[in-house]
Amino acid sequence: MSEKKNRSVAENRDSNTKAPRPKDASSIIIYRQNGDRTEILMGERSARHSFMPNTYVFPGGRVDTADSRIVPAKDMRTDIYDRLCRGGCSPARARALAIAAIRETFEETGLLIAASYDRPRRSKLSVWNEFGTNTCGPDLSELDYIARAVTPPMRKKRFNTRFFVYNGANIAGHLDGSGELLDMKWVTIEEAMDLNIPQITEYILRQVEAFLKEKPKRVPATPVKLFKMVRGERIFTTE
């Protein structure tokens, strides 16, 4: 592992402090075909972030309470629901995770994963009105769910993050986010490996690579990769 991916534990919590409970979060790896290049979207986290600053990541973030109240324009496939629930989610929480990933993607990149509503809707939240809630809402129908990662217990901030993938061939919007992600760009997986990325991002990139090659069946039994730490040991398994 290169030096840039070996993070100092100096910023981690004191070993005698109880580990904080990880907060639910979600992320989307958007991919597209550009000629003979298969590209994914990544951006650099601002230096002002306390969690993984100055590293390249996928769009995403923590689940907000309001995410569970947003009605999607198109719902998730049943096999994705089943995979998320197999990892401990309720159906409502599974939907909130997907909606959070789409909201964060819109906020950070300006890109919309959206479909038309059958009737106009309004939201009390400005982000969804900017998204176009009056006429369109989040489209969960083409999200695939491939991996989950839990931040190790020694970290001051911990997340239980679900990673979705999405074919962005016809995604709406233009790259123009809130400033949370800098230097947003489309790169191949191998180009992404040369960026300043956390170890977990490298692991997820390899899962995306396998997903794109294997094109797994859309069935509940499709395994989901899981990263966690147990008694100080990194565990890479499936659920």
Foldseek 3Di string as FASTA:
>chain_A
DDPLQDDDLPQFADPVDFFDDAAAKEAEWEWEDDPPFIWTKWFAFDQPDPPRHRFIDTFMDGFDPCLLVDDAQAFADVLQLLQVVVVPDDSSVSSSRLSRRQLRCCQAFVWHQKDFHPAADDDPDVSQVVNPRRTMGHHNHFKDWAAWEWPARRHPHIHTYTYIYGHVHPIDGGGDHDPRGHPMDIDGLVVSVPTSHHPVRPVVSVRVVCCVVVVDDSHNPPWHWYWYADPNRIDIDTD
